[in-house]
Amino acid sequence: MKKIILSIVLGTLFFSNVNAQENAKTNDFKKWQARFRWVSVLPNESATIGTIGGDVEIGKNFIPELDFTYYFTQNIAAELILGTTNHDVKAVNTALGNVNLGDVWLLPPTLTLQYHFNISDFKPYVGAGVNYTIFYDANPGAVVDVDYENSFGYALQLGFDYDLDDTWFLNVDAKYIGLSTDVSVNAGVATVPAEVDINPLLIGFGVGMRF
């Protein structure tokens, strides 16, 4: 009987030790990473413009961007991107012809929840989340004033990391942001409202570090 009890105790201790080692391996990974990317911002714009009709043209841009990612597990993570971008804006094909609406800065912090596929050094991921865009420092161009309403949007994401070593990696990333804003254009003699869909595609490449 004592031999049986001793065998059970030793077996329990052995499997407990193995399980502890496996858990340690599972939890032994770097939970933070930071990336620096160059991002091409490609608006897919359209607009409904009151009174004078027409459409909108929004310029492209190429910007630096910084993001931080926290891993809850080796597969599930959350990413926050930080960057700002400036775009030229023009109303086109209106009853008044083409109207220069100057330019505006956008600050679009975006938070996504990601799933990472750990396939050797090649690590693709998908993500989805929320965006809040702040419009600031608008230059009205040929009109008196242009007011843009800050707005929430959604974000869809696809990308991959490629490990160079345990710390450094390369990254390619694409995001689609469903973004709309209400715009008020003060033309002096009248104020023209517009509903503008920006819906930018962001394509980025860069380098990252885990820590």
C-alpha atoms as a PDB file:
ATOM      1  CA  MET A   1       0.000   0.000   0.000  1.00  0.00           C
ATOM      2  CA  LYS A   2       2.835   2.387   0.883  1.00  0.00           C
ATOM      3  CA  LYS A   3       4.479   1.639  -2.471  1.00  0.00           C
ATOM      4  CA  ILE A   4       1.237   2.464  -4.282  1.00  0.00           C
ATOM      5  CA  ILE A   5       0.823   5.752  -2.394  1.00  0.00           C
ATOM      6  CA  LEU A   6       4.473   6.632  -3.010  1.00  0.00           C
ATOM      7  CA  SER A   7       4.070   5.886  -6.728  1.00  0.00           C
ATOM      8  CA  ILE A   8       0.966   8.106  -6.919  1.00  0.00           C
ATOM      9  CA  VAL A   9       2.756  10.960  -5.124  1.00  0.00           C
ATOM     10  CA  LEU A  10       5.840  10.696  -7.347  1.00  0.00           C
ATOM     11  CA  GLY A  11       3.669  10.496 -10.472  1.00  0.00           C
ATOM     12  CA  THR A  12       1.687  13.563  -9.399  1.00  0.00           C
ATOM     13  CA  LEU A  13       4.873  15.528  -8.742  1.00  0.00           C
ATOM     14  CA  PHE A  14       6.315  14.494 -12.123  1.00  0.00           C
ATOM     15  CA  PHE A  15       3.265  15.527 -14.140  1.00  0.00           C
ATOM     16  CA  SER A  16       2.909  18.746 -12.127  1.00  0.00           C
ATOM     17  CA  ASN A  17       6.509  19.623 -12.974  1.00  0.00           C
ATOM     18  CA  VAL A  18       5.992  18.859 -16.685  1.00  0.00           C
ATOM     19  CA  ASN A  19       2.808  20.955 -16.730  1.00  0.00           C
ATOM     20  CA  ALA A  20       4.572  23.844 -14.992  1.00  0.00           C
ATOM     21  CA  GLN A  21       7.384  23.736 -17.562  1.00  0.00           C
ATOM     22  CA  GLU A  22       4.870  23.756 -20.434  1.00  0.00           C
ATOM     23  CA  ASN A  23       3.015  26.713 -18.900  1.00  0.00           C
ATOM     24  CA  ALA A  24       6.309  28.546 -18.448  1.00  0.00           C
ATOM     25  CA  LYS A  25       7.149  28.016 -22.123  1.00  0.00           C
ATOM     26  CA  THR A  26       3.687  29.210 -23.138  1.00  0.00           C
ATOM     27  CA  ASN A  27       4.007  32.403 -21.064  1.00  0.00           C
ATOM     28  CA  ASP A  28       7.682  33.006 -21.886  1.00  0.00           C
ATOM     29  CA  PHE A  29       7.298  35.417 -24.813  1.00  0.00           C
ATOM     30  CA  LYS A  30       7.722  39.142 -25.354  1.00  0.00           C
ATOM     31  CA  LYS A  31       4.318  40.753 -24.879  1.00  0.00           C
ATOM     32  CA  TRP A  32       5.094  44.197 -26.293  1.00  0.00           C
ATOM     33  CA  GLN A  33       6.194  45.295 -29.719  1.00  0.00           C
ATOM     34  CA  ALA A  34       6.617  48.627 -31.478  1.00  0.00           C
ATOM     35  CA  ARG A  35       6.729  49.288 -35.212  1.00  0.00           C
ATOM     36  CA  PHE A  36       7.854  52.236 -37.308  1.00  0.00           C
ATOM     37  CA  ARG A  37       6.221  52.264 -40.740  1.00  0.00           C
ATOM     38  CA  TRP A  38       5.933  54.406 -43.831  1.00  0.00           C
ATOM     39  CA  VAL A  39       2.284  54.457 -44.852  1.00  0.00           C
ATOM     40  CA  SER A  40       0.582  55.398 -48.102  1.00  0.00           C
ATOM     41  CA  VAL A  41      -2.840  56.944 -47.380  1.00  0.00           C
ATOM     42  CA  LEU A  42      -5.222  56.395 -50.310  1.00  0.00           C
ATOM     43  CA  PRO A  43      -8.705  57.937 -49.863  1.00  0.00           C
ATOM     44  CA  ASN A  44     -11.689  56.327 -51.615  1.00  0.00           C
ATOM     45  CA  GLU A  45     -13.693  59.526 -51.484  1.00  0.00           C
ATOM     46  CA  SER A  46     -17.246  60.441 -52.438  1.00  0.00           C
ATOM     47  CA  ALA A  47     -19.658  63.154 -51.307  1.00  0.00           C
ATOM     48  CA  THR A  48     -23.225  64.359 -51.274  1.00  0.00           C
ATOM     49  CA  ILE A  49     -23.069  68.157 -51.512  1.00  0.00           C
ATOM     50  CA  GLY A  50     -26.137  70.247 -50.767  1.00  0.00           C
ATOM     51  CA  THR A  51     -27.416  73.092 -53.002  1.00  0.00           C
ATOM     52  CA  ILE A  52     -24.618  73.112 -55.599  1.00  0.00           C
ATOM     53  CA  GLY A  53     -24.207  69.346 -56.068  1.00  0.00           C
ATOM     54  CA  GLY A  54     -21.006  67.803 -57.364  1.00  0.00           C
ATOM     55  CA  ASP A  55     -18.454  65.522 -55.751  1.00  0.00           C
ATOM     56  CA  VAL A  56     -15.185  65.706 -53.816  1.00  0.00           C
ATOM     57  CA  GLU A  57     -11.544  64.969 -54.554  1.00  0.00           C
ATOM     58  CA  ILE A  58      -9.168  64.266 -51.655  1.00  0.00           C
ATOM     59  CA  GLY A  59      -5.421  64.038 -52.236  1.00  0.00           C
ATOM     60  CA  LYS A  60      -3.192  61.095 -51.323  1.00  0.00           C
ATOM     61  CA  ASN A  61      -0.321  61.251 -48.845  1.00  0.00           C
ATOM     62  CA  PHE A  62       2.726  59.254 -47.694  1.00  0.00           C
ATOM     63  CA  ILE A  63       3.457  59.535 -43.975  1.00  0.00           C
ATOM     64  CA  PRO A  64       5.505  58.075 -41.091  1.00  0.00           C
ATOM     65  CA  GLU A  65       3.527  56.105 -38.514  1.00  0.00           C
ATOM     66  CA  LEU A  66       4.227  54.562 -35.118  1.00  0.00           C
ATOM     67  CA  ASP A  67       2.253  51.758 -33.514  1.00  0.00           C
ATOM     68  CA  PHE A  68       2.344  49.695 -30.339  1.00  0.00           C
ATOM     69  CA  THR A  69       1.038  46.153 -29.867  1.00  0.00           C
ATOM     70  CA  TYR A  70       0.336  44.205 -26.674  1.00  0.00           C
ATOM     71  CA  TYR A  71      -0.026  40.411 -26.785  1.00  0.00           C
ATOM     72  CA  PHE A  72      -2.580  38.870 -24.413  1.00  0.00           C
ATOM     73  CA  THR A  73      -1.516  35.431 -25.688  1.00  0.00           C
ATOM     74  CA  GLN A  74       0.893  34.331 -28.417  1.00  0.00           C
ATOM     75  CA  ASN A  75      -1.981  34.649 -30.907  1.00  0.00           C
ATOM     76  CA  ILE A  76      -4.252  37.439 -29.639  1.00  0.00           C
ATOM     77  CA  ALA A  77      -3.071  41.047 -29.476  1.00  0.00           C
ATOM     78  CA  ALA A  78      -4.264  44.657 -29.513  1.00  0.00           C
ATOM     79  CA  GLU A  79      -2.632  47.346 -31.655  1.00  0.00           C
ATOM     80  CA  LEU A  80      -2.809  51.146 -31.370  1.00  0.00           C
ATOM     81  CA  ILE A  81      -1.544  53.253 -34.279  1.00  0.00           C
ATOM     82  CA  LEU A  82      -0.384  56.853 -33.987  1.00  0.00           C
ATOM     83  CA  GLY A  83       0.093  59.179 -36.922  1.00  0.00           C
ATOM     84  CA  THR A  84      -1.225  62.299 -38.597  1.00  0.00           C
ATOM     85  CA  THR A  85      -1.804  63.128 -42.253  1.00  0.00           C
ATOM     86  CA  ASN A  86      -2.561  66.198 -44.374  1.00  0.00           C
ATOM     87  CA  HIS A  87      -4.810  66.158 -47.454  1.00  0.00           C
ATOM     88  CA  ASP A  88      -5.773  68.620 -50.180  1.00  0.00           C
ATOM     89  CA  VAL A  89      -9.548  68.871 -50.719  1.00  0.00           C
ATOM     90  CA  LYS A  90     -11.497  70.059 -53.757  1.00  0.00           C
ATOM     91  CA  ALA A  91     -15.200  70.146 -54.653  1.00  0.00           C
ATOM     92  CA  VAL A  92     -15.573  69.130 -58.305  1.00  0.00           C
ATOM     93  CA  ASN A  93     -18.302  69.239 -60.933  1.00  0.00           C
ATOM     94  CA  THR A  94     -20.484  71.546 -58.835  1.00  0.00           C
ATOM     95  CA  ALA A  95     -22.889  74.194 -60.140  1.00  0.00           C
ATOM     96  CA  LEU A  96     -20.054  76.668 -59.466  1.00  0.00           C
ATOM     97  CA  GLY A  97     -17.419  74.537 -61.187  1.00  0.00           C
ATOM     98  CA  ASN A  98     -14.439  73.165 -59.285  1.00  0.00           C
ATOM     99  CA  VAL A  99     -13.855  74.813 -55.898  1.00  0.00           C
ATOM    100  CA  ASN A 100     -10.558  74.675 -54.004  1.00  0.00           C
ATOM    101  CA  LEU A 101     -11.317  73.814 -50.365  1.00  0.00           C
ATOM    102  CA  GLY A 102      -7.707  74.041 -49.228  1.00  0.00           C
ATOM    103  CA  ASP A 103      -6.346  71.292 -47.015  1.00  0.00           C
ATOM    104  CA  VAL A 104      -6.936  69.715 -43.616  1.00  0.00           C
ATOM    105  CA  TRP A 105      -4.986  67.635 -41.096  1.00  0.00           C
ATOM    106  CA  LEU A 106      -6.368  64.343 -39.790  1.00  0.00           C
ATOM    107  CA  LEU A 107      -5.348  62.653 -36.531  1.00  0.00           C
ATOM    108  CA  PRO A 108      -6.784  59.112 -36.728  1.00  0.00           C
ATOM    109  CA  PRO A 109      -5.879  56.973 -33.658  1.00  0.00           C
ATOM    110  CA  THR A 110      -7.013  53.426 -34.430  1.00  0.00           C
ATOM    111  CA  LEU A 111      -7.300  50.458 -32.055  1.00  0.00           C
ATOM    112  CA  THR A 112      -7.564  46.942 -33.499  1.00  0.00           C
ATOM    113  CA  LEU A 113      -7.875  43.485 -31.976  1.00  0.00           C
ATOM    114  CA  GLN A 114      -5.695  41.031 -33.889  1.00  0.00           C
ATOM    115  CA  TYR A 115      -5.238  37.298 -34.369  1.00  0.00           C
ATOM    116  CA  HIS A 116      -1.671  36.251 -35.242  1.00  0.00           C
ATOM    117  CA  PHE A 117      -0.792  32.993 -37.003  1.00  0.00           C
ATOM    118  CA  ASN A 118       2.648  31.965 -35.731  1.00  0.00           C
ATOM    119  CA  ILE A 119       4.025  30.136 -38.782  1.00  0.00           C
ATOM    120  CA  SER A 120       7.771  29.939 -38.179  1.00  0.00           C
ATOM    121  CA  ASP A 121       9.441  33.281 -39.012  1.00  0.00           C
ATOM    122  CA  PHE A 122       6.473  34.287 -41.188  1.00  0.00           C
ATOM    123  CA  LYS A 123       3.606  35.539 -39.009  1.00  0.00           C
ATOM    124  CA  PRO A 124       0.461  36.726 -40.837  1.00  0.00           C
ATOM    125  CA  TYR A 125      -2.356  38.395 -38.902  1.00  0.00           C
ATOM    126  CA  VAL A 126      -5.858  39.773 -39.304  1.00  0.00           C
ATOM    127  CA  GLY A 127      -7.566  42.445 -37.239  1.00  0.00           C
ATOM    128  CA  ALA A 128     -10.642  44.596 -36.766  1.00  0.00           C
ATOM    129  CA  GLY A 129     -11.354  47.567 -34.559  1.00  0.00           C
ATOM    130  CA  VAL A 130     -12.407  51.168 -34.102  1.00  0.00           C
ATOM    131  CA  ASN A 131     -11.095  54.494 -35.363  1.00  0.00           C
ATOM    132  CA  TYR A 132     -11.691  58.034 -34.118  1.00  0.00           C
ATOM    133  CA  THR A 133     -10.569  60.775 -36.503  1.00  0.00           C
ATOM    134  CA  ILE A 134      -9.904  64.340 -35.372  1.00  0.00           C
ATOM    135  CA  PHE A 135      -9.850  67.021 -38.088  1.00  0.00           C
ATOM    136  CA  TYR A 136      -7.691  70.056 -37.278  1.00  0.00           C
ATOM    137  CA  ASP A 137      -5.858  73.071 -38.695  1.00  0.00           C
ATOM    138  CA  ALA A 138      -8.112  73.319 -41.761  1.00  0.00           C
ATOM    139  CA  ASN A 139      -7.066  75.787 -44.460  1.00  0.00           C
ATOM    140  CA  PRO A 140     -10.265  76.852 -46.319  1.00  0.00           C
ATOM    141  CA  GLY A 141      -8.615  77.601 -49.666  1.00  0.00           C
ATOM    142  CA  ALA A 142     -10.909  79.677 -51.914  1.00  0.00           C
ATOM    143  CA  VAL A 143     -13.826  79.873 -49.435  1.00  0.00           C
ATOM    144  CA  VAL A 144     -14.281  81.654 -46.114  1.00  0.00           C
ATOM    145  CA  ASP A 145     -14.261  78.599 -43.846  1.00  0.00           C
ATOM    146  CA  VAL A 146     -14.557  74.807 -43.889  1.00  0.00           C
ATOM    147  CA  ASP A 147     -15.651  72.916 -40.780  1.00  0.00           C
ATOM    148  CA  TYR A 148     -15.139  69.144 -40.479  1.00  0.00           C
ATOM    149  CA  GLU A 149     -16.904  67.095 -37.802  1.00  0.00           C
ATOM    150  CA  ASN A 150     -14.770  64.607 -35.844  1.00  0.00           C
ATOM    151  CA  SER A 151     -16.099  61.091 -36.269  1.00  0.00           C
ATOM    152  CA  PHE A 152     -15.857  57.401 -35.357  1.00  0.00           C
ATOM    153  CA  GLY A 153     -15.256  54.713 -37.954  1.00  0.00           C
ATOM    154  CA  TYR A 154     -14.401  51.033 -38.206  1.00  0.00           C
ATOM    155  CA  ALA A 155     -11.095  49.458 -39.230  1.00  0.00           C
ATOM    156  CA  LEU A 156     -10.240  46.183 -40.983  1.00  0.00           C
ATOM    157  CA  GLN A 157      -6.651  44.970 -41.087  1.00  0.00           C
ATOM    158  CA  LEU A 158      -4.445  42.394 -42.832  1.00  0.00           C
ATOM    159  CA  GLY A 159      -0.674  42.045 -42.623  1.00  0.00           C
ATOM    160  CA  PHE A 160       2.351  40.011 -41.690  1.00  0.00           C
ATOM    161  CA  ASP A 161       5.563  40.181 -39.677  1.00  0.00           C
ATOM    162  CA  TYR A 162       8.769  38.454 -40.796  1.00  0.00           C
ATOM    163  CA  ASP A 163      11.269  37.736 -38.027  1.00  0.00           C
ATOM    164  CA  LEU A 164      14.900  38.747 -38.520  1.00  0.00           C
ATOM    165  CA  ASP A 165      15.799  37.451 -35.041  1.00  0.00           C
ATOM    166  CA  ASP A 166      14.127  37.190 -31.612  1.00  0.00           C
ATOM    167  CA  THR A 167      13.828  40.980 -31.326  1.00  0.00           C
ATOM    168  CA  TRP A 168      13.697  42.589 -34.776  1.00  0.00           C
ATOM    169  CA  PHE A 169      11.258  41.954 -37.608  1.00  0.00           C
ATOM    170  CA  LEU A 170       9.945  43.409 -40.866  1.00  0.00           C
ATOM    171  CA  ASN A 171       6.286  44.312 -41.342  1.00  0.00           C
ATOM    172  CA  VAL A 172       3.805  44.821 -44.177  1.00  0.00           C
ATOM    173  CA  ASP A 173       0.329  46.032 -43.222  1.00  0.00           C
ATOM    174  CA  ALA A 174      -2.908  47.096 -44.922  1.00  0.00           C
ATOM    175  CA  LYS A 175      -5.893  48.761 -43.265  1.00  0.00           C
ATOM    176  CA  TYR A 176      -9.259  49.893 -44.569  1.00  0.00           C
ATOM    177  CA  ILE A 177     -10.973  52.545 -42.455  1.00  0.00           C
ATOM    178  CA  GLY A 178     -14.673  53.220 -42.917  1.00  0.00           C
ATOM    179  CA  LEU A 179     -14.658  56.957 -42.275  1.00  0.00           C
ATOM    180  CA  SER A 180     -17.301  59.611 -42.971  1.00  0.00           C
ATOM    181  CA  THR A 181     -17.679  63.204 -41.824  1.00  0.00           C
ATOM    182  CA  ASP A 182     -20.211  66.016 -42.033  1.00  0.00           C
ATOM    183  CA  VAL A 183     -18.693  69.127 -43.590  1.00  0.00           C
ATOM    184  CA  SER A 184     -19.938  72.717 -43.557  1.00  0.00           C
ATOM    185  CA  VAL A 185     -18.527  75.081 -46.202  1.00  0.00           C
ATOM    186  CA  ASN A 186     -18.927  78.821 -45.612  1.00  0.00           C
ATOM    187  CA  ALA A 187     -18.746  80.380 -49.078  1.00  0.00           C
ATOM    188  CA  GLY A 188     -19.477  83.918 -47.841  1.00  0.00           C
ATOM    189  CA  VAL A 189     -22.913  84.378 -49.405  1.00  0.00           C
ATOM    190  CA  ALA A 190     -24.152  80.956 -48.266  1.00  0.00           C
ATOM    191  CA  THR A 191     -23.212  77.921 -46.197  1.00  0.00           C
ATOM    192  CA  VAL A 192     -23.171  74.615 -48.051  1.00  0.00           C
ATOM    193  CA  PRO A 193     -23.500  71.314 -46.147  1.00  0.00           C
ATOM    194  CA  ALA A 194     -21.908  68.087 -47.375  1.00  0.00           C
ATOM    195  CA  GLU A 195     -21.699  64.464 -46.312  1.00  0.00           C
ATOM    196  CA  VAL A 196     -18.245  63.163 -47.198  1.00  0.00           C
ATOM    197  CA  ASP A 197     -17.060  59.547 -47.257  1.00  0.00           C
ATOM    198  CA  ILE A 198     -13.263  59.327 -47.043  1.00  0.00           C
ATOM    199  CA  ASN A 199     -12.826  55.545 -46.544  1.00  0.00           C
ATOM    200  CA  PRO A 200      -9.024  55.471 -46.839  1.00  0.00           C
ATOM    201  CA  LEU A 201      -6.870  52.450 -47.596  1.00  0.00           C
ATOM    202  CA  LEU A 202      -3.604  52.537 -45.631  1.00  0.00           C
ATOM    203  CA  ILE A 203      -0.728  50.439 -46.977  1.00  0.00           C
ATOM    204  CA  GLY A 204       2.406  50.415 -44.854  1.00  0.00           C
ATOM    205  CA  PHE A 205       5.810  48.781 -44.573  1.00  0.00           C
ATOM    206  CA  GLY A 206       8.428  49.092 -41.879  1.00  0.00           C
ATOM    207  CA  VAL A 207      10.452  47.535 -39.093  1.00  0.00           C
ATOM    208  CA  GLY A 208       9.483  46.457 -35.584  1.00  0.00           C
ATOM    209  CA  MET A 209      11.013  45.493 -32.251  1.00  0.00           C
ATOM    210  CA  ARG A 210       9.731  43.142 -29.541  1.00  0.00           C
ATOM    211  CA  PHE A 211      10.404  43.804 -25.872  1.00  0.00           C
END
